[in-house]
C-alpha cells in the first residue's frame, strides 16, 4: 500500500522502547501507523494500543497493521482520555507524537494548509468548533489571545485586526493570501504562526496535552517509558515542566524550612537531559521534521 507519511525521529523513537519485552505500548496518536508498525516489528512480544481521534487515520492504520492484528487494539478518541480507558492494562510504554499529521496537512479539504479552499482545522471532525468559527466570530480581544498565547505571533494585535476587518473568510487560502500581502516576510510564511494559533485553539491542543500528563501521573504505571514528540515551544515547555515535576522528591512549599513531605515523591527519571532532535539528513529528507523534539521519561 502507498504510505503517504514519513514518521519523524523514527529510529530514535524505536530505540526508546527497545528494551520493552512484554505488556502494552500505547500509541496515543497513531496517525498513519508509521511509529506503530515499527514498534510492532522491533518489539515482537509487545502488544499495541493504537489510538487516534481521526476516522480516516484509524481506517488506514487498520489496513496497514493487518499482519499484526492479533497484537493490536484500535481505539478512537482524543488522547487526553486514552490513559483512563486503558489504566487497568499492563502498560509498559506511552508514545505521543503530538504534531499535526501529514494526512491533515496534505488534504486540502481539512483546512489546515495555506492553499486550502475550506476553513476547518478540526482533528476530530465530529466536534462543533472549527477554524471558521474562531476566525469569523471571535472578538478582537479573543483573537489577540489566540494569536499571542497559542500562535506566539509577535505582531498579534496587527494580525487580529487584519482578521477582524477583512472577515468573513470562507477558506484558509484567503487568510494566508491576506497575511502574505499585509505582514512582513521572514524565514517562515507569514501565516505559519497565526495558523498554529487557530489550530491550537480549535483543537484545545495545550489543554489536551496537560490532561494527558495529569492522567499519566494518576495512573502510576510501573516501569513505563513515556516518549513525547513535540513540534513547537508551547508543547515542549509543557512536556519539559511535567517531566521535571515528576523527578522532584520533595514537594514541600518553597517557604518551608525543613522537609515535611517525606522526600520520597519522585515518580521516575528523565532519560533525555536535552531533547533529541532530527539529524541534518532527516531534515533534508523530511523538512517537516525540522522543529520536532523528542523527550523521554521512565516511571519507576
Protein backbone atom coordinates (compact mmCIF):
# COMPACT_ATOMS: atom_id res chain seq x y z
CA UNK A 1 0.00 0.00 0.00
CA UNK A 2 1.08 3.59 -0.58
CA UNK A 3 2.37 5.13 2.68
CA UNK A 4 1.83 8.91 2.44
CA UNK A 5 3.71 9.83 5.62
CA UNK A 6 7.25 9.79 6.99
CA UNK A 7 7.29 9.42 10.80
CA UNK A 8 9.68 11.86 12.45
CA UNK A 9 12.58 10.75 14.66
CA UNK A 10 11.68 7.18 13.68
CA UNK A 11 14.87 5.36 14.68
CA UNK A 12 15.24 7.38 17.87
CA UNK A 13 11.65 6.65 18.89
CA UNK A 14 12.00 2.90 18.37
CA UNK A 15 15.22 2.92 20.41
CA UNK A 16 13.35 4.49 23.33
CA UNK A 17 11.18 1.36 23.62
CA UNK A 18 13.70 -1.27 22.53
CA UNK A 19 14.01 -2.92 25.97
CA UNK A 20 10.27 -3.48 26.46
CA UNK A 21 9.62 -7.21 26.10
CA UNK A 22 6.04 -7.62 27.31
CA UNK A 23 2.83 -5.77 28.08
CA UNK A 24 1.32 -2.97 26.04
CA UNK A 25 2.59 0.19 24.41
CA UNK A 26 0.02 2.92 23.77
CA UNK A 27 0.50 4.96 20.62
CA UNK A 28 -1.65 7.94 21.61
CA UNK A 29 -1.60 9.50 18.14
CA UNK A 30 -1.33 6.60 15.70
CA UNK A 31 -1.90 8.60 12.51
CA UNK A 32 -0.67 6.57 9.53
CA UNK A 33 0.87 3.98 11.90
CA UNK A 34 4.45 4.84 10.99
CA UNK A 35 5.77 4.52 14.52
CA UNK A 36 3.21 1.81 15.37
CA UNK A 37 4.35 -0.53 12.59
CA UNK A 38 7.98 -0.05 13.63
CA UNK A 39 7.20 -0.82 17.27
CA UNK A 40 5.32 -3.99 16.37
CA UNK A 41 8.21 -5.13 14.17
CA UNK A 42 11.02 -4.39 16.62
CA UNK A 43 9.19 -5.48 19.81
CA UNK A 44 7.88 -8.92 18.87
CA UNK A 45 6.31 -9.78 22.24
CA UNK A 46 4.64 -6.41 22.79
CA UNK A 47 1.02 -5.56 22.10
CA UNK A 48 -0.04 -2.13 20.88
CA UNK A 49 -2.99 0.11 21.65
CA UNK A 50 -3.43 2.38 18.62
CA UNK A 51 -5.39 5.50 19.47
CA UNK A 52 -6.49 8.34 17.21
CA UNK A 53 -9.46 10.68 17.01
CA UNK A 54 -9.37 10.81 13.22
CA UNK A 55 -11.54 8.19 11.48
CA UNK A 56 -9.53 8.34 8.28
CA UNK A 57 -6.26 7.74 10.12
CA UNK A 58 -7.69 4.76 12.01
CA UNK A 59 -9.07 3.14 8.85
CA UNK A 60 -5.70 3.49 7.13
CA UNK A 61 -3.85 2.11 10.17
CA UNK A 62 -6.15 -0.92 10.42
CA UNK A 63 -5.20 -1.88 6.87
CA UNK A 64 -1.51 -1.19 7.36
CA UNK A 65 -1.27 -3.16 10.60
CA UNK A 66 -3.34 -6.11 9.38
CA UNK A 67 -0.33 -8.50 9.60
CA UNK A 68 -0.14 -7.74 13.35
CA UNK A 69 -3.88 -7.74 14.02
CA UNK A 70 -3.62 -10.27 16.89
CA UNK A 71 -1.39 -7.83 18.78
CA UNK A 72 -3.28 -4.58 18.20
CA UNK A 73 -6.23 -2.85 19.85
CA UNK A 74 -7.67 0.14 17.96
CA UNK A 75 -9.34 2.91 19.90
CA UNK A 76 -11.00 6.06 18.62
CA UNK A 77 -10.74 9.06 20.88
CA UNK A 78 -8.80 12.11 21.92
CA UNK A 79 -5.54 11.10 23.58
CA UNK A 80 -6.49 13.00 26.74
CA UNK A 81 -8.80 10.06 27.57
CA UNK A 82 -6.71 7.09 26.42
CA UNK A 83 -4.84 6.53 29.70
CA UNK A 84 -8.05 6.38 31.73
CA UNK A 85 -9.57 3.98 29.20
CA UNK A 86 -6.67 1.50 29.46
CA UNK A 87 -5.43 2.17 33.02
CA UNK A 88 -6.06 -1.46 34.06
CA UNK A 89 -3.85 -2.86 31.30
CA UNK A 90 -0.17 -3.72 31.75
CA UNK A 91 1.13 -0.55 30.13
CA UNK A 92 4.91 -0.50 29.62
CA UNK A 93 5.21 2.33 27.12
CA UNK A 94 3.48 5.55 26.07
CA UNK A 95 4.18 7.31 22.77
CA UNK A 96 2.60 10.59 21.74
CA UNK A 97 3.58 12.32 18.50
CA UNK A 98 1.59 15.48 19.06
CA UNK A 99 2.10 17.28 15.78
CA UNK A 100 -0.44 17.68 13.00
CA UNK A 101 -0.35 14.61 10.79
CA UNK A 102 0.56 14.72 7.11
CA UNK A 103 -2.91 13.38 6.39
CA UNK A 104 -4.40 16.52 7.87
CA UNK A 105 -1.89 18.92 6.33
CA UNK A 106 -1.95 17.47 2.83
CA UNK A 107 -5.70 17.06 2.37
CA UNK A 108 -6.93 20.46 1.30
CA UNK A 109 -10.48 19.71 2.38
CA UNK A 110 -9.31 19.55 6.01
CA UNK A 111 -8.47 23.26 6.00
CA UNK A 112 -5.03 23.08 7.64
CA UNK A 113 -2.92 24.12 4.64
CA UNK A 114 -2.25 27.58 3.25
CA UNK A 115 -3.84 26.64 -0.09
CA UNK A 116 -6.96 25.03 1.34
CA UNK A 117 -10.32 26.15 -0.02
CA UNK A 118 -12.01 25.28 3.29
CA UNK A 119 -11.63 26.71 6.79
CA UNK A 120 -11.86 23.80 9.21
CA UNK A 121 -8.71 22.59 11.09
CA UNK A 122 -10.63 20.11 13.25
CA UNK A 123 -8.65 16.98 14.10
CA UNK A 124 -11.89 15.39 15.24
CA UNK A 125 -14.45 16.25 12.59
CA UNK A 126 -17.34 15.43 14.91
CA UNK A 127 -16.68 18.42 17.16
CA UNK A 128 -18.54 21.69 16.60
CA UNK A 129 -15.79 24.32 17.00
CA UNK A 130 -13.86 24.87 13.77
CA UNK A 131 -11.49 27.46 12.32
CA UNK A 132 -14.32 29.34 10.59
CA UNK A 133 -15.98 29.92 13.95
CA UNK A 134 -12.77 31.23 15.51
CA UNK A 135 -11.89 33.49 12.60
CA UNK A 136 -15.36 34.84 11.86
CA UNK A 137 -16.97 35.16 15.30
CA UNK A 138 -14.26 35.76 17.93
CA UNK A 139 -13.96 39.27 19.34
CA UNK A 140 -10.82 41.33 18.84
CA UNK A 141 -9.64 40.52 22.37
CA UNK A 142 -10.24 36.79 21.81
CA UNK A 143 -8.36 36.85 18.50
CA UNK A 144 -5.45 38.66 20.14
CA UNK A 145 -5.33 35.97 22.82
CA UNK A 146 -5.34 33.20 20.23
CA UNK A 147 -2.50 34.72 18.20
CA UNK A 148 -0.45 35.73 21.23
CA UNK A 149 -0.85 32.71 23.50
CA UNK A 150 -1.43 29.91 21.01
CA UNK A 151 0.41 31.21 17.97
CA UNK A 152 3.25 33.12 19.65
CA UNK A 153 2.77 35.76 16.96
CA UNK A 154 4.93 38.82 17.65
CA UNK A 155 2.56 41.20 15.86
CA UNK A 156 -0.54 39.54 17.29
CA UNK A 157 -2.50 42.80 17.54
CA UNK A 158 -1.97 43.56 13.86
CA UNK A 159 -2.95 40.04 12.78
CA UNK A 160 -6.09 40.13 14.93
CA UNK A 161 -7.09 43.49 13.44
CA UNK A 162 -6.50 42.26 9.89
CA UNK A 163 -8.71 39.24 10.51
CA UNK A 164 -11.44 41.29 12.16
CA UNK A 165 -11.50 43.98 9.47
CA UNK A 166 -11.49 41.61 6.50
CA UNK A 167 -13.86 38.89 7.60
CA UNK A 168 -15.87 36.86 6.87
CA UNK A 169 -13.46 34.28 5.43
CA UNK A 170 -14.52 31.04 3.78
CA UNK A 171 -11.11 29.46 3.19
CA UNK A 172 -7.68 29.14 4.72
CA UNK A 173 -6.29 30.29 1.37
CA UNK A 174 -7.97 33.70 1.75
CA UNK A 175 -6.34 34.21 5.14
CA UNK A 176 -2.88 33.11 4.03
CA UNK A 177 -3.04 35.40 0.98
CA UNK A 178 -4.11 38.35 3.13
CA UNK A 179 -1.29 37.79 5.62
CA UNK A 180 1.21 37.35 2.80
CA UNK A 181 0.28 40.79 1.47
CA UNK A 182 -0.01 42.65 4.76
CA UNK A 183 2.61 41.07 7.04
CA UNK A 184 6.38 41.37 6.78
CA UNK A 185 8.20 38.43 5.21
CA UNK A 186 10.59 36.38 7.32
CA UNK A 187 12.14 32.93 7.34
CA UNK A 188 8.70 31.32 7.54
CA UNK A 189 5.43 32.02 5.75
CA UNK A 190 3.59 34.94 7.44
CA UNK A 191 0.58 32.69 8.03
CA UNK A 192 2.53 29.90 9.79
CA UNK A 193 2.20 31.12 13.39
CA UNK A 194 -1.32 32.57 13.01
CA UNK A 195 -2.45 29.23 11.59
CA UNK A 196 -0.76 27.47 14.50
CA UNK A 197 -2.72 29.66 16.89
CA UNK A 198 -6.05 28.99 15.20
CA UNK A 199 -5.38 25.24 15.05
CA UNK A 200 -4.38 25.03 18.72
CA UNK A 201 -7.48 26.98 19.72
CA UNK A 202 -9.81 24.83 17.61
CA UNK A 203 -8.44 21.56 19.00
CA UNK A 204 -7.55 22.79 22.52
CA UNK A 205 -4.19 21.14 21.97
CA UNK A 206 -2.41 22.51 25.03
CA UNK A 207 -5.24 21.64 27.41
CA UNK A 208 -5.46 18.15 25.93
CA UNK A 209 -1.71 17.64 26.38
CA UNK A 210 -1.85 18.74 30.01
CA UNK A 211 -4.73 16.36 30.69
CA UNK A 212 -2.73 13.50 29.13
CA UNK A 213 0.08 14.21 31.60
CA UNK A 214 -2.32 14.51 34.53
CA UNK A 215 -3.85 11.13 33.68
CA UNK A 216 -0.38 9.59 33.40
CA UNK A 217 0.54 11.00 36.80
CA UNK A 218 -2.60 9.47 38.33
CA UNK A 219 -2.20 6.10 36.60
CA UNK A 220 1.17 5.38 38.25
CA UNK A 221 2.28 2.79 35.69
CA UNK A 222 5.33 0.81 36.86
CA UNK A 223 8.50 0.57 34.73
CA UNK A 224 6.84 2.55 31.96
CA UNK A 225 8.64 4.55 29.25
CA UNK A 226 6.99 7.81 28.16
CA UNK A 227 8.20 9.31 24.87
CA UNK A 228 6.70 12.57 23.64
CA UNK A 229 7.42 14.22 20.28
CA UNK A 230 6.51 17.91 20.17
CA UNK A 231 6.72 20.45 17.36
CA UNK A 232 6.69 23.90 18.94
CA UNK A 233 7.86 25.59 22.11
CA UNK A 234 4.44 25.70 23.78
CA UNK A 235 4.12 21.92 23.65
CA UNK A 236 7.76 21.29 24.51
CA UNK A 237 7.53 23.56 27.56
CA UNK A 238 4.60 21.53 28.92
CA UNK A 239 6.49 18.25 28.37
CA UNK A 240 9.66 19.58 29.99
CA UNK A 241 7.83 21.00 33.01
CA UNK A 242 5.87 17.83 33.71
CA UNK A 243 8.96 15.65 33.40
CA UNK A 244 10.82 17.97 35.78
CA UNK A 245 7.89 17.91 38.22
CA UNK A 246 7.87 14.10 38.19
CA UNK A 247 11.53 13.92 39.26
CA UNK A 248 11.00 16.02 42.41
CA UNK A 249 11.43 14.00 45.55
CA UNK A 250 10.48 16.85 47.90
CA UNK A 251 7.18 18.57 47.15
CA UNK A 252 7.10 20.89 50.16
CA UNK A 253 6.33 24.59 49.54
CA UNK A 254 9.41 26.75 48.97
CA UNK A 255 8.89 28.63 52.24
CA UNK A 256 9.09 25.50 54.42
CA UNK A 257 12.34 25.50 56.45
CA UNK A 258 12.62 21.71 56.75
CA UNK A 259 11.18 18.95 54.52
CA UNK A 260 7.88 17.67 55.90
CA UNK A 261 6.59 15.63 52.94
CA UNK A 262 8.79 12.56 53.39
CA UNK A 263 11.10 13.41 50.47
CA UNK A 264 10.03 10.32 48.54
CA UNK A 265 7.73 11.66 45.84
CA UNK A 266 9.87 11.24 42.72
CA UNK A 267 7.96 9.20 40.14
CA UNK A 268 10.94 8.32 37.98
CA UNK A 269 13.76 9.83 35.97
CA UNK A 270 14.29 11.82 32.80
CA UNK A 271 16.20 9.80 30.19
CA UNK A 272 16.94 12.74 27.89
CA UNK A 273 18.86 15.61 29.51
CA UNK A 274 18.29 17.55 26.30
CA UNK A 275 15.59 16.83 23.73
CA UNK A 276 16.52 14.58 20.83
CA UNK A 277 16.27 16.49 17.56
CA UNK A 278 16.39 15.27 13.95
CA UNK A 279 19.66 14.94 12.10
CA UNK A 280 20.52 17.19 9.18
CA UNK A 281 19.89 14.20 6.89
CA UNK A 282 16.40 13.64 8.27
CA UNK A 283 15.53 17.32 7.89
CA UNK A 284 16.74 17.19 4.29
CA UNK A 285 14.64 14.09 3.57
CA UNK A 286 11.62 15.32 5.53
CA UNK A 287 11.56 19.10 6.08
CA UNK A 288 8.51 18.79 8.35
CA UNK A 289 10.70 17.12 10.95
CA UNK A 290 12.86 20.22 11.46
CA UNK A 291 11.07 21.52 14.55
CA UNK A 292 10.44 18.15 16.23
CA UNK A 293 11.80 17.34 19.69
CA UNK A 294 11.71 14.01 21.50
CA UNK A 295 11.81 13.85 25.30
CA UNK A 296 11.77 10.56 27.24
CA UNK A 297 10.86 9.76 30.84
CA UNK A 298 10.80 6.46 32.75
CA UNK A 299 8.38 5.80 35.59
CA UNK A 300 9.92 3.65 38.34
